[in-house]
Amino acid sequence: MNDYGPLRDYLKKQTLPELVLSFEEIEAIIDAPLPRAAQRASWWDSLRSPQERMPQREACLEAGYVATRQADGNSVKFRRLPRNARRPSEGIER
């Protein structure tokens, strides 16, 4: 399984309310290939099945972003959550 900590750290450094990263850019950030499942929109959707813990979703939420796979199937839009919607553990360095 991939470590999505580098993606979380990358997103935490961003100042934009939205950004789009290609799968290739994400793979460079995590220094590993994304699994085939990453092509499915549901694999990225941070708000879908919140009870199902998935490391890529957790990394995005911990950074204060929700992720949505783009229609092109090769990129992901990250949209910043309002501060009051973020997880309580955010801001705690590990």
PDB file of N, CA and C in Angstrom:
ATOM      1  N   MET A   1       0.853  -1.184   0.000  1.00  0.00           N
ATOM      2  CA  MET A   1       0.000   0.000   0.000  1.00  0.00           C
ATOM      3  C   MET A   1       0.895   1.243   0.000  1.00  0.00           C
ATOM      4  N   ASN A   2       0.486   2.241  -0.726  1.00  0.00           N
ATOM      5  CA  ASN A   2       1.254   3.482  -0.815  1.00  0.00           C
ATOM      6  C   ASN A   2       1.134   4.317   0.451  1.00  0.00           C
ATOM      7  N   ASP A   3       2.160   5.131   0.674  1.00  0.00           N
ATOM      8  CA  ASP A   3       2.156   6.095   1.765  1.00  0.00           C
ATOM      9  C   ASP A   3       1.702   7.430   1.184  1.00  0.00           C
ATOM     10  N   TYR A   4       0.585   7.950   1.672  1.00  0.00           N
ATOM     11  CA  TYR A   4       0.042   9.206   1.155  1.00  0.00           C
ATOM     12  C   TYR A   4       0.412  10.395   2.037  1.00  0.00           C
ATOM     13  N   GLY A   5       1.310  10.173   3.016  1.00  0.00           N
ATOM     14  CA  GLY A   5       1.807  11.263   3.843  1.00  0.00           C
ATOM     15  C   GLY A   5       2.428  12.386   3.015  1.00  0.00           C
ATOM     16  N   PRO A   6       3.237  12.066   1.997  1.00  0.00           N
ATOM     17  CA  PRO A   6       3.798  13.143   1.179  1.00  0.00           C
ATOM     18  C   PRO A   6       2.730  13.973   0.461  1.00  0.00           C
ATOM     19  N   LEU A   7       1.622  13.344   0.057  1.00  0.00           N
ATOM     20  CA  LEU A   7       0.528  14.091  -0.574  1.00  0.00           C
ATOM     21  C   LEU A   7      -0.115  15.019   0.458  1.00  0.00           C
ATOM     22  N   ARG A   8      -0.344  14.502   1.664  1.00  0.00           N
ATOM     23  CA  ARG A   8      -0.889  15.325   2.746  1.00  0.00           C
ATOM     24  C   ARG A   8       0.012  16.539   2.997  1.00  0.00           C
ATOM     25  N   ASP A   9       1.311  16.286   3.103  1.00  0.00           N
ATOM     26  CA  ASP A   9       2.258  17.366   3.375  1.00  0.00           C
ATOM     27  C   ASP A   9       2.289  18.385   2.236  1.00  0.00           C
ATOM     28  N   TYR A  10       2.208  17.895   1.000  1.00  0.00           N
ATOM     29  CA  TYR A  10       2.184  18.784  -0.169  1.00  0.00           C
ATOM     30  C   TYR A  10       0.946  19.687  -0.118  1.00  0.00           C
ATOM     31  N   LEU A  11      -0.204  19.072   0.149  1.00  0.00           N
ATOM     32  CA  LEU A  11      -1.450  19.844   0.194  1.00  0.00           C
ATOM     33  C   LEU A  11      -1.454  20.849   1.340  1.00  0.00           C
ATOM     34  N   LYS A  12      -0.880  20.482   2.476  1.00  0.00           N
ATOM     35  CA  LYS A  12      -0.840  21.409   3.618  1.00  0.00           C
ATOM     36  C   LYS A  12      -0.086  22.690   3.283  1.00  0.00           C
ATOM     37  N   LYS A  13       0.862  22.604   2.364  1.00  0.00           N
ATOM     38  CA  LYS A  13       1.674  23.769   1.991  1.00  0.00           C
ATOM     39  C   LYS A  13       0.987  24.668   0.970  1.00  0.00           C
ATOM     40  N   GLN A  14      -0.120  24.207   0.405  1.00  0.00           N
ATOM     41  CA  GLN A  14      -0.792  24.966  -0.650  1.00  0.00           C
ATOM     42  C   GLN A  14      -1.603  26.118  -0.055  1.00  0.00           C
ATOM     43  N   THR A  15      -1.697  27.185  -0.823  1.00  0.00           N
ATOM     44  CA  THR A  15      -2.465  28.346  -0.377  1.00  0.00           C
ATOM     45  C   THR A  15      -3.717  28.566  -1.230  1.00  0.00           C
ATOM     46  N   LEU A  16      -3.819  27.854  -2.338  1.00  0.00           N
ATOM     47  CA  LEU A  16      -4.963  28.026  -3.234  1.00  0.00           C
ATOM     48  C   LEU A  16      -6.210  27.330  -2.677  1.00  0.00           C
ATOM     49  N   PRO A  17      -7.398  27.896  -2.937  1.00  0.00           N
ATOM     50  CA  PRO A  17      -8.622  27.227  -2.490  1.00  0.00           C
ATOM     51  C   PRO A  17      -8.918  25.968  -3.309  1.00  0.00           C
ATOM     52  N   GLU A  18      -8.402  25.915  -4.536  1.00  0.00           N
ATOM     53  CA  GLU A  18      -8.560  24.738  -5.405  1.00  0.00           C
ATOM     54  C   GLU A  18      -7.294  24.551  -6.214  1.00  0.00           C
ATOM     55  N   LEU A  19      -6.957  23.286  -6.449  1.00  0.00           N
ATOM     56  CA  LEU A  19      -5.876  22.986  -7.372  1.00  0.00           C
ATOM     57  C   LEU A  19      -6.146  21.636  -8.006  1.00  0.00           C
ATOM     58  N   VAL A  20      -5.599  21.450  -9.197  1.00  0.00           N
ATOM     59  CA  VAL A  20      -5.755  20.195  -9.924  1.00  0.00           C
ATOM     60  C   VAL A  20      -4.370  19.604 -10.126  1.00  0.00           C
ATOM     61  N   LEU A  21      -4.244  18.322  -9.804  1.00  0.00           N
ATOM     62  CA  LEU A  21      -2.999  17.597 -10.025  1.00  0.00           C
ATOM     63  C   LEU A  21      -3.289  16.400 -10.921  1.00  0.00           C
ATOM     64  N   SER A  22      -2.411  16.167 -11.883  1.00  0.00           N
ATOM     65  CA  SER A  22      -2.543  14.982 -12.728  1.00  0.00           C
ATOM     66  C   SER A  22      -2.109  13.758 -11.924  1.00  0.00           C
ATOM     67  N   PHE A  23      -2.512  12.586 -12.372  1.00  0.00           N
ATOM     68  CA  PHE A  23      -2.073  11.364 -11.707  1.00  0.00           C
ATOM     69  C   PHE A  23      -0.547  11.304 -11.692  1.00  0.00           C
ATOM     70  N   GLU A  24       0.093  11.735 -12.791  1.00  0.00           N
ATOM     71  CA  GLU A  24       1.555  11.718 -12.869  1.00  0.00           C
ATOM     72  C   GLU A  24       2.164  12.622 -11.796  1.00  0.00           C
ATOM     73  N   GLU A  25       1.564  13.786 -11.580  1.00  0.00           N
ATOM     74  CA  GLU A  25       2.067  14.691 -10.544  1.00  0.00           C
ATOM     75  C   GLU A  25       1.892  14.074  -9.154  1.00  0.00           C
ATOM     76  N   ILE A  26       0.757  13.429  -8.924  1.00  0.00           N
ATOM     77  CA  ILE A  26       0.518  12.786  -7.627  1.00  0.00           C
ATOM     78  C   ILE A  26       1.519  11.651  -7.422  1.00  0.00           C
ATOM     79  N   GLU A  27       1.761  10.872  -8.468  1.00  0.00           N
ATOM     80  CA  GLU A  27       2.724   9.777  -8.370  1.00  0.00           C
ATOM     81  C   GLU A  27       4.127  10.302  -8.057  1.00  0.00           C
ATOM     82  N   ALA A  28       4.479  11.444  -8.619  1.00  0.00           N
ATOM     83  CA  ALA A  28       5.788  12.048  -8.323  1.00  0.00           C
ATOM     84  C   ALA A  28       5.843  12.502  -6.863  1.00  0.00           C
ATOM     85  N   ILE A  29       4.731  13.041  -6.358  1.00  0.00           N
ATOM     86  CA  ILE A  29       4.684  13.515  -4.971  1.00  0.00           C
ATOM     87  C   ILE A  29       4.825  12.343  -3.995  1.00  0.00           C
ATOM     88  N   ILE A  30       4.118  11.241  -4.266  1.00  0.00           N
ATOM     89  CA  ILE A  30       4.161  10.098  -3.345  1.00  0.00           C
ATOM     90  C   ILE A  30       5.301   9.134  -3.682  1.00  0.00           C
ATOM     91  N   ASP A  31       5.974   9.379  -4.799  1.00  0.00           N
ATOM     92  CA  ASP A  31       7.094   8.556  -5.240  1.00  0.00           C
ATOM     93  C   ASP A  31       6.704   7.085  -5.397  1.00  0.00           C
ATOM     94  N   ALA A  32       5.527   6.886  -5.988  1.00  0.00           N
ATOM     95  CA  ALA A  32       5.017   5.532  -6.219  1.00  0.00           C
ATOM     96  C   ALA A  32       3.886   5.612  -7.242  1.00  0.00           C
ATOM     97  N   PRO A  33       3.645   4.516  -7.974  1.00  0.00           N
ATOM     98  CA  PRO A  33       2.505   4.520  -8.886  1.00  0.00           C
ATOM     99  C   PRO A  33       1.189   4.429  -8.118  1.00  0.00           C
ATOM    100  N   LEU A  34       0.177   5.108  -8.622  1.00  0.00           N
ATOM    101  CA  LEU A  34      -1.163   4.980  -8.050  1.00  0.00           C
ATOM    102  C   LEU A  34      -1.736   3.622  -8.437  1.00  0.00           C
ATOM    103  N   PRO A  35      -2.570   3.040  -7.594  1.00  0.00           N
ATOM    104  CA  PRO A  35      -3.200   1.766  -7.962  1.00  0.00           C
ATOM    105  C   PRO A  35      -4.227   1.974  -9.073  1.00  0.00           C
ATOM    106  N   ARG A  36      -4.554   0.918  -9.732  1.00  0.00           N
ATOM    107  CA  ARG A  36      -5.547   0.966 -10.817  1.00  0.00           C
ATOM    108  C   ARG A  36      -6.872   1.551 -10.322  1.00  0.00           C
ATOM    109  N   ALA A  37      -7.194   1.301  -9.063  1.00  0.00           N
ATOM    110  CA  ALA A  37      -8.452   1.802  -8.475  1.00  0.00           C
ATOM    111  C   ALA A  37      -8.529   3.323  -8.486  1.00  0.00           C
ATOM    112  N   ALA A  38      -7.390   4.004  -8.570  1.00  0.00           N
ATOM    113  CA  ALA A  38      -7.380   5.472  -8.559  1.00  0.00           C
ATOM    114  C   ALA A  38      -8.120   6.058  -9.760  1.00  0.00           C
ATOM    115  N   GLN A  39      -8.348   5.261 -10.774  1.00  0.00           N
ATOM    116  CA  GLN A  39      -9.078   5.739 -11.945  1.00  0.00           C
ATOM    117  C   GLN A  39     -10.576   5.853 -11.673  1.00  0.00           C
ATOM    118  N   ARG A  40     -11.039   5.228 -10.593  1.00  0.00           N
ATOM    119  CA  ARG A  40     -12.456   5.316 -10.228  1.00  0.00           C
ATOM    120  C   ARG A  40     -12.693   6.581  -9.411  1.00  0.00           C
ATOM    121  N   ALA A  41     -13.734   7.304  -9.742  1.00  0.00           N
ATOM    122  CA  ALA A  41     -14.053   8.540  -9.014  1.00  0.00           C
ATOM    123  C   ALA A  41     -14.285   8.264  -7.534  1.00  0.00           C
ATOM    124  N   SER A  42     -14.905   7.148  -7.202  1.00  0.00           N
ATOM    125  CA  SER A  42     -15.233   6.842  -5.804  1.00  0.00           C
ATOM    126  C   SER A  42     -13.988   6.642  -4.954  1.00  0.00           C
ATOM    127  N   TRP A  43     -12.863   6.274  -5.564  1.00  0.00           N
ATOM    128  CA  TRP A  43     -11.637   6.040  -4.809  1.00  0.00           C
ATOM    129  C   TRP A  43     -11.122   7.347  -4.202  1.00  0.00           C
ATOM    130  N   TRP A  44     -11.368   8.457  -4.882  1.00  0.00           N
ATOM    131  CA  TRP A  44     -10.905   9.768  -4.430  1.00  0.00           C
ATOM    132  C   TRP A  44     -11.931  10.513  -3.602  1.00  0.00           C
ATOM    133  N   ASP A  45     -13.191  10.282  -3.826  1.00  0.00           N
ATOM    134  CA  ASP A  45     -14.257  11.095  -3.231  1.00  0.00           C
ATOM    135  C   ASP A  45     -14.201  11.058  -1.709  1.00  0.00           C
ATOM    136  N   SER A  46     -13.712  12.135  -1.125  1.00  0.00           N
ATOM    137  CA  SER A  46     -13.496  12.221   0.320  1.00  0.00           C
ATOM    138  C   SER A  46     -14.789  12.190   1.112  1.00  0.00           C
ATOM    139  N   LEU A  47     -15.896  12.574   0.505  1.00  0.00           N
ATOM    140  CA  LEU A  47     -17.155  12.667   1.233  1.00  0.00           C
ATOM    141  C   LEU A  47     -18.023  11.422   1.064  1.00  0.00           C
ATOM    142  N   ARG A  48     -17.605  10.516   0.222  1.00  0.00           N
ATOM    143  CA  ARG A  48     -18.376   9.304  -0.025  1.00  0.00           C
ATOM    144  C   ARG A  48     -17.944   8.228   0.975  1.00  0.00           C
ATOM    145  N   SER A  49     -18.878   7.554   1.535  1.00  0.00           N
ATOM    146  CA  SER A  49     -18.622   6.487   2.506  1.00  0.00           C
ATOM    147  C   SER A  49     -17.593   6.922   3.553  1.00  0.00           C
ATOM    148  N   PRO A  50     -17.900   7.973   4.324  1.00  0.00           N
ATOM    149  CA  PRO A  50     -16.906   8.477   5.277  1.00  0.00           C
ATOM    150  C   PRO A  50     -16.504   7.457   6.335  1.00  0.00           C
ATOM    151  N   GLN A  51     -17.341   6.446   6.564  1.00  0.00           N
ATOM    152  CA  GLN A  51     -16.993   5.428   7.545  1.00  0.00           C
ATOM    153  C   GLN A  51     -15.903   4.501   7.019  1.00  0.00           C
ATOM    154  N   GLU A  52     -15.704   4.466   5.715  1.00  0.00           N
ATOM    155  CA  GLU A  52     -14.679   3.620   5.112  1.00  0.00           C
ATOM    156  C   GLU A  52     -13.360   4.386   5.091  1.00  0.00           C
ATOM    157  N   ARG A  53     -12.419   3.961   5.911  1.00  0.00           N
ATOM    158  CA  ARG A  53     -11.139   4.661   6.042  1.00  0.00           C
ATOM    159  C   ARG A  53     -10.221   4.236   4.901  1.00  0.00           C
ATOM    160  N   MET A  54      -9.824   5.207   4.105  1.00  0.00           N
ATOM    161  CA  MET A  54      -8.915   4.933   3.000  1.00  0.00           C
ATOM    162  C   MET A  54      -7.770   5.936   3.089  1.00  0.00           C
ATOM    163  N   PRO A  55      -6.519   5.479   3.002  1.00  0.00           N
ATOM    164  CA  PRO A  55      -5.377   6.360   3.268  1.00  0.00           C
ATOM    165  C   PRO A  55      -5.290   7.584   2.362  1.00  0.00           C
ATOM    166  N   GLN A  56      -5.655   7.456   1.098  1.00  0.00           N
ATOM    167  CA  GLN A  56      -5.574   8.616   0.204  1.00  0.00           C
ATOM    168  C   GLN A  56      -6.613   9.665   0.593  1.00  0.00           C
ATOM    169  N   ARG A  57      -7.788   9.222   1.020  1.00  0.00           N
ATOM    170  CA  ARG A  57      -8.830  10.155   1.458  1.00  0.00           C
ATOM    171  C   ARG A  57      -8.414  10.828   2.770  1.00  0.00           C
ATOM    172  N   GLU A  58      -7.900  10.027   3.694  1.00  0.00           N
ATOM    173  CA  GLU A  58      -7.475  10.557   4.991  1.00  0.00           C
ATOM    174  C   GLU A  58      -6.390  11.618   4.809  1.00  0.00           C
ATOM    175  N   ALA A  59      -5.449  11.367   3.911  1.00  0.00           N
ATOM    176  CA  ALA A  59      -4.361  12.323   3.670  1.00  0.00           C
ATOM    177  C   ALA A  59      -4.920  13.656   3.200  1.00  0.00           C
ATOM    178  N   CYS A  60      -5.877  13.613   2.294  1.00  0.00           N
ATOM    179  CA  CYS A  60      -6.488  14.846   1.779  1.00  0.00           C
ATOM    180  C   CYS A  60      -7.236  15.580   2.874  1.00  0.00           C
ATOM    181  N   LEU A  61      -8.033  14.855   3.644  1.00  0.00           N
ATOM    182  CA  LEU A  61      -8.824  15.481   4.705  1.00  0.00           C
ATOM    183  C   LEU A  61      -7.927  16.054   5.798  1.00  0.00           C
ATOM    184  N   GLU A  62      -6.860  15.345   6.134  1.00  0.00           N
ATOM    185  CA  GLU A  62      -5.939  15.849   7.156  1.00  0.00           C
ATOM    186  C   GLU A  62      -5.276  17.152   6.706  1.00  0.00           C
ATOM    187  N   ALA A  63      -5.117  17.303   5.398  1.00  0.00           N
ATOM    188  CA  ALA A  63      -4.523  18.527   4.851  1.00  0.00           C
ATOM    189  C   ALA A  63      -5.564  19.628   4.681  1.00  0.00           C
ATOM    190  N   GLY A  64      -6.847  19.291   4.907  1.00  0.00           N
ATOM    191  CA  GLY A  64      -7.901  20.291   4.791  1.00  0.00           C
ATOM    192  C   GLY A  64      -8.509  20.398   3.410  1.00  0.00           C
ATOM    193  N   TYR A  65      -8.378  19.346   2.616  1.00  0.00           N
ATOM    194  CA  TYR A  65      -8.913  19.343   1.259  1.00  0.00           C
ATOM    195  C   TYR A  65      -9.835  18.149   1.035  1.00  0.00           C
ATOM    196  N   VAL A  66     -10.790  18.318   0.138  1.00  0.00           N
ATOM    197  CA  VAL A  66     -11.555  17.185  -0.381  1.00  0.00           C
ATOM    198  C   VAL A  66     -11.091  16.975  -1.813  1.00  0.00           C
ATOM    199  N   ALA A  67     -11.089  15.730  -2.237  1.00  0.00           N
ATOM    200  CA  ALA A  67     -10.596  15.373  -3.564  1.00  0.00           C
ATOM    201  C   ALA A  67     -11.731  14.869  -4.433  1.00  0.00           C
ATOM    202  N   THR A  68     -11.685  15.230  -5.710  1.00  0.00           N
ATOM    203  CA  THR A  68     -12.661  14.765  -6.693  1.00  0.00           C
ATOM    204  C   THR A  68     -11.923  14.443  -7.981  1.00  0.00           C
ATOM    205  N   ARG A  69     -12.052  13.200  -8.448  1.00  0.00           N
ATOM    206  CA  ARG A  69     -11.425  12.860  -9.716  1.00  0.00           C
ATOM    207  C   ARG A  69     -12.097  13.649 -10.827  1.00  0.00           C
ATOM    208  N   GLN A  70     -11.302  14.184 -11.729  1.00  0.00           N
ATOM    209  CA  GLN A  70     -11.822  14.976 -12.836  1.00  0.00           C
ATOM    210  C   GLN A  70     -12.404  14.074 -13.919  1.00  0.00           C
ATOM    211  N   ALA A  71     -13.239  14.649 -14.755  1.00  0.00           N
ATOM    212  CA  ALA A  71     -13.904  13.896 -15.828  1.00  0.00           C
ATOM    213  C   ALA A  71     -12.910  13.290 -16.813  1.00  0.00           C
ATOM    214  N   ASP A  72     -11.724  13.891 -16.930  1.00  0.00           N
ATOM    215  CA  ASP A  72     -10.726  13.345 -17.857  1.00  0.00           C
ATOM    216  C   ASP A  72     -10.186  11.991 -17.392  1.00  0.00           C
ATOM    217  N   GLY A  73     -10.433  11.643 -16.125  1.00  0.00           N
ATOM    218  CA  GLY A  73      -9.990  10.358 -15.604  1.00  0.00           C
ATOM    219  C   GLY A  73      -8.509  10.291 -15.300  1.00  0.00           C
ATOM    220  N   ASN A  74      -7.797  11.393 -15.475  1.00  0.00           N
ATOM    221  CA  ASN A  74      -6.347  11.397 -15.280  1.00  0.00           C
ATOM    222  C   ASN A  74      -5.868  12.478 -14.328  1.00  0.00           C
ATOM    223  N   SER A  75      -6.800  13.131 -13.646  1.00  0.00           N
ATOM    224  CA  SER A  75      -6.404  14.189 -12.721  1.00  0.00           C
ATOM    225  C   SER A  75      -7.427  14.286 -11.594  1.00  0.00           C
ATOM    226  N   VAL A  76      -7.011  14.997 -10.539  1.00  0.00           N
ATOM    227  CA  VAL A  76      -7.834  15.126  -9.345  1.00  0.00           C
ATOM    228  C   VAL A  76      -7.884  16.593  -8.943  1.00  0.00           C
ATOM    229  N   LYS A  77      -9.096  17.070  -8.629  1.00  0.00           N
ATOM    230  CA  LYS A  77      -9.250  18.429  -8.107  1.00  0.00           C
ATOM    231  C   LYS A  77      -9.287  18.341  -6.584  1.00  0.00           C
ATOM    232  N   PHE A  78      -8.481  19.189  -5.959  1.00  0.00           N
ATOM    233  CA  PHE A  78      -8.451  19.292  -4.505  1.00  0.00           C
ATOM    234  C   PHE A  78      -9.055  20.636  -4.141  1.00  0.00           C
ATOM    235  N   ARG A  79     -10.092  20.601  -3.318  1.00  0.00           N
ATOM    236  CA  ARG A  79     -10.796  21.824  -2.911  1.00  0.00           C
ATOM    237  C   ARG A  79     -10.680  21.968  -1.404  1.00  0.00           C
ATOM    238  N   ARG A  80     -10.209  23.134  -0.973  1.00  0.00           N
ATOM    239  CA  ARG A  80     -10.007  23.385   0.457  1.00  0.00           C
ATOM    240  C   ARG A  80     -11.346  23.401   1.192  1.00  0.00           C
ATOM    241  N   LEU A  81     -11.366  22.741   2.339  1.00  0.00           N
ATOM    242  CA  LEU A  81     -12.541  22.750   3.209  1.00  0.00           C
ATOM    243  C   LEU A  81     -12.559  24.037   4.016  1.00  0.00           C
ATOM    244  N   PRO A  82     -13.743  24.543   4.339  1.00  0.00           N
ATOM    245  CA  PRO A  82     -13.801  25.678   5.269  1.00  0.00           C
ATOM    246  C   PRO A  82     -13.204  25.240   6.608  1.00  0.00           C
ATOM    247  N   ARG A  83     -12.573  26.144   7.313  1.00  0.00           N
ATOM    248  CA  ARG A  83     -11.907  25.802   8.588  1.00  0.00           C
ATOM    249  C   ARG A  83     -12.832  25.076   9.560  1.00  0.00           C
ATOM    250  N   ASN A  84     -14.099  25.483   9.624  1.00  0.00           N
ATOM    251  CA  ASN A  84     -15.019  24.866  10.587  1.00  0.00           C
ATOM    252  C   ASN A  84     -15.432  23.452  10.185  1.00  0.00           C
ATOM    253  N   ALA A  85     -15.101  23.019   8.967  1.00  0.00           N
ATOM    254  CA  ALA A  85     -15.456  21.674   8.514  1.00  0.00           C
ATOM    255  C   ALA A  85     -14.267  20.714   8.589  1.00  0.00           C
ATOM    256  N   ARG A  86     -13.129  21.203   9.028  1.00  0.00           N
ATOM    257  CA  ARG A  86     -11.936  20.364   9.063  1.00  0.00           C
ATOM    258  C   ARG A  86     -11.927  19.463  10.276  1.00  0.00           C
ATOM    259  N   ARG A  87     -11.090  18.462  10.193  1.00  0.00           N
ATOM    260  CA  ARG A  87     -10.975  17.490  11.273  1.00  0.00           C
ATOM    261  C   ARG A  87     -10.238  18.078  12.462  1.00  0.00           C
ATOM    262  N   PRO A  88     -10.607  17.695  13.670  1.00  0.00           N
ATOM    263  CA  PRO A  88      -9.970  18.249  14.854  1.00  0.00           C
ATOM    264  C   PRO A  88      -8.471  17.955  14.934  1.00  0.00           C
ATOM    265  N   SER A  89      -8.001  16.854  14.352  1.00  0.00           N
ATOM    266  CA  SER A  89      -6.596  16.483  14.441  1.00  0.00           C
ATOM    267  C   SER A  89      -5.706  17.351  13.551  1.00  0.00           C
ATOM    268  N   GLU A  90      -6.313  18.147  12.696  1.00  0.00           N
ATOM    269  CA  GLU A  90      -5.519  18.974  11.790  1.00  0.00           C
ATOM    270  C   GLU A  90      -4.712  19.976  12.568  1.00  0.00           C
ATOM    271  N   GLY A  91      -3.546  20.250  12.026  1.00  0.00           N
ATOM    272  CA  GLY A  91      -2.669  21.199  12.666  1.00  0.00           C
ATOM    273  C   GLY A  91      -1.730  20.560  13.666  1.00  0.00           C
ATOM    274  N   ILE A  92      -1.964  19.287  13.943  1.00  0.00           N
ATOM    275  CA  ILE A  92      -1.085  18.547  14.848  1.00  0.00           C
ATOM    276  C   ILE A  92      -0.001  17.908  14.010  1.00  0.00           C
ATOM    277  N   GLU A  93       1.232  18.270  14.257  1.00  0.00           N
ATOM    278  CA  GLU A  93       2.339  17.694  13.498  1.00  0.00           C
ATOM    279  C   GLU A  93       2.613  16.296  14.008  1.00  0.00           C
ATOM    280  N   ARG A  94       2.948  15.435  13.078  1.00  0.00           N
ATOM    281  CA  ARG A  94       3.276  14.058  13.443  1.00  0.00           C
ATOM    282  C   ARG A  94       4.736  13.801  13.264  1.00  0.00           C
TER     283      ARG A  94
END
